C-alpha atoms as a PDB file:
ATOM      1  CA  MET A   1     -10.557   7.340 -25.021  1.00  0.00           C
ATOM      2  CA  GLY A   2      -9.406   6.061 -28.287  1.00  0.00           C
ATOM      3  CA  HIS A   3      -6.890   8.765 -29.058  1.00  0.00           C
ATOM      4  CA  ARG A   4      -3.314   9.365 -28.056  1.00  0.00           C
ATOM      5  CA  SER A   5      -2.245  12.700 -29.496  1.00  0.00           C
ATOM      6  CA  PHE A   6      -3.916  15.076 -27.001  1.00  0.00           C
ATOM      7  CA  ASP A   7      -2.080  19.086 -25.246  1.00  0.00           C
ATOM      8  CA  PHE A   8      -3.143  19.485 -21.890  1.00  0.00           C
ATOM      9  CA  GLY A   9      -1.677  21.687 -19.040  1.00  0.00           C
ATOM     10  CA  ILE A  10      -1.470  20.930 -15.294  1.00  0.00           C
ATOM     11  CA  SER A  11      -1.563  23.768 -12.759  1.00  0.00           C
ATOM     12  CA  GLN A  12      -1.718  23.489  -8.567  1.00  0.00           C
ATOM     13  CA  GLU A  13      -5.660  24.040  -8.750  1.00  0.00           C
ATOM     14  CA  ARG A  14      -6.663  22.032 -11.856  1.00  0.00           C
ATOM     15  CA  ALA A  15      -5.538  20.284 -14.946  1.00  0.00           C
ATOM     16  CA  GLU A  16      -6.855  20.849 -18.582  1.00  0.00           C
ATOM     17  CA  PHE A  17      -6.684  18.418 -21.607  1.00  0.00           C
ATOM     18  CA  GLU A  18      -7.438  19.468 -24.979  1.00  0.00           C
ATOM     19  CA  PHE A  19      -8.077  15.636 -27.205  1.00  0.00           C
ATOM     20  CA  ASP A  20     -10.320  16.357 -30.962  1.00  0.00           C
ATOM     21  CA  CYS A  21     -13.580  16.942 -31.030  1.00  0.00           C
ATOM     22  CA  THR A  22     -13.623  16.849 -27.064  1.00  0.00           C
ATOM     23  CA  HIS A  23     -12.127  18.143 -24.106  1.00  0.00           C
ATOM     24  CA  GLY A  24     -11.737  17.387 -20.362  1.00  0.00           C
ATOM     25  CA  SER A  25     -11.024  18.493 -16.517  1.00  0.00           C
ATOM     26  CA  ILE A  26     -10.058  18.055 -13.642  1.00  0.00           C
ATOM     27  CA  ASP A  27     -10.484  20.491 -10.620  1.00  0.00           C
ATOM     28  CA  SER A  28      -8.554  19.455  -7.772  1.00  0.00           C
ATOM     29  CA  PRO A  29      -4.545  20.000  -7.900  1.00  0.00           C
ATOM     30  CA  PHE A  30      -3.292  17.011  -9.413  1.00  0.00           C
ATOM     31  CA  MET A  31      -0.997  15.321  -7.575  1.00  0.00           C
ATOM     32  CA  LEU A  32       1.101  12.042  -8.287  1.00  0.00           C
ATOM     33  CA  GLU A  33       2.269   8.993  -5.369  1.00  0.00           C
ATOM     34  CA  SER A  34       5.152   8.180  -5.171  1.00  0.00           C
ATOM     35  CA  ASP A  35       5.935   5.820  -8.153  1.00  0.00           C
ATOM     36  CA  GLY A  36       4.453   8.798  -9.861  1.00  0.00           C
ATOM     37  CA  SER A  37       0.973   7.585 -10.793  1.00  0.00           C
ATOM     38  CA  PHE A  38      -2.639   9.087 -10.271  1.00  0.00           C
ATOM     39  CA  LYS A  39      -5.340   8.922 -10.123  1.00  0.00           C
ATOM     40  CA  LEU A  40      -8.285  11.722  -9.636  1.00  0.00           C
ATOM     41  CA  ASN A  41     -11.431  12.341 -10.895  1.00  0.00           C
ATOM     42  CA  GLY A  42     -12.841  15.063 -13.058  1.00  0.00           C
ATOM     43  CA  THR A  43     -15.314  15.167 -15.942  1.00  0.00           C
ATOM     44  CA  TYR A  44     -15.282  14.778 -20.336  1.00  0.00           C
ATOM     45  CA  THR A  45     -17.289  16.981 -23.034  1.00  0.00           C
ATOM     46  CA  ARG A  46     -17.743  15.958 -26.300  1.00  0.00           C
ATOM     47  CA  GLU A  47     -18.034  19.358 -28.224  1.00  0.00           C
ATOM     48  CA  THR A  48     -19.992  19.176 -31.474  1.00  0.00           C
ATOM     49  CA  HIS A  49     -18.038  19.849 -35.595  1.00  0.00           C
ATOM     50  CA  GLY A  50     -18.244  23.190 -35.717  1.00  0.00           C
ATOM     51  CA  PRO A  51     -19.987  26.164 -34.112  1.00  0.00           C
ATOM     52  CA  ILE A  52     -21.965  25.119 -30.654  1.00  0.00           C
ATOM     53  CA  ARG A  53     -25.871  26.106 -31.442  1.00  0.00           C
ATOM     54  CA  VAL A  54     -28.375  27.906 -29.883  1.00  0.00           C
ATOM     55  CA  GLY A  55     -30.484  25.557 -27.222  1.00  0.00           C
ATOM     56  CA  HIS A  56     -27.941  22.534 -27.690  1.00  0.00           C
ATOM     57  CA  PRO A  57     -25.057  23.009 -24.610  1.00  0.00           C
ATOM     58  CA  LEU A  58     -22.548  20.754 -24.872  1.00  0.00           C
ATOM     59  CA  GLN A  59     -22.316  18.318 -22.795  1.00  0.00           C
ATOM     60  CA  SER A  60     -20.560  17.284 -19.889  1.00  0.00           C
ATOM     61  CA  ARG A  61     -20.494  13.269 -18.224  1.00  0.00           C
ATOM     62  CA  GLN A  62     -17.972  12.453 -14.987  1.00  0.00           C
ATOM     63  CA  ALA A  63     -15.084  10.885 -15.716  1.00  0.00           C
ATOM     64  CA  GLU A  64     -11.472   8.926 -14.243  1.00  0.00           C
ATOM     65  CA  TYR A  65      -8.065  10.154 -15.035  1.00  0.00           C
ATOM     66  CA  PHE A  66      -5.314   8.192 -14.758  1.00  0.00           C
ATOM     67  CA  GLY A  67      -1.432   6.945 -15.551  1.00  0.00           C
ATOM     68  CA  HIS A  68       1.768   7.454 -14.665  1.00  0.00           C
ATOM     69  CA  VAL A  69       4.214  10.060 -14.847  1.00  0.00           C
ATOM     70  CA  ASP A  70       7.907   9.173 -15.224  1.00  0.00           C
ATOM     71  CA  GLY A  71       9.662  12.287 -16.064  1.00  0.00           C
ATOM     72  CA  ASN A  72       8.784  14.039 -19.159  1.00  0.00           C
ATOM     73  CA  LYS A  73       6.641   9.857 -20.429  1.00  0.00           C
ATOM     74  CA  HIS A  74       3.403  10.094 -19.629  1.00  0.00           C
ATOM     75  CA  GLU A  75       0.826   7.233 -19.951  1.00  0.00           C
ATOM     76  CA  PRO A  76      -2.630   9.390 -19.763  1.00  0.00           C
ATOM     77  CA  LEU A  77      -6.070   6.907 -19.335  1.00  0.00           C
ATOM     78  CA  GLY A  78      -9.368   7.986 -18.671  1.00  0.00           C
ATOM     79  CA  LYS A  79     -12.944   6.045 -17.849  1.00  0.00           C
ATOM     80  CA  ILE A  80     -16.279   8.400 -18.657  1.00  0.00           C
ATOM     81  CA  ASP A  81     -19.880   7.035 -17.859  1.00  0.00           C
ATOM     82  CA  ARG A  82     -21.935   6.100 -19.936  1.00  0.00           C
ATOM     83  CA  TRP A  83     -23.029   8.294 -22.333  1.00  0.00           C
END
């Protein structure tokens, strides 16, 4: 995804990611494997500069989010279907 700085929120039901000019989500429980790794399906949406124009809705793509969590450290990565 090219950018290493982002915000995210995780609940029992879902996870949301905020990047510069993009956002993503995982609409299922965020489950970690015993080693702290994760691999979950979700969506990734590119945003536009400025307000969203009428007749030009944002388009989401399927994405696979994967990475590793170790205490307060996390290494998220993702793979997005071709744009």
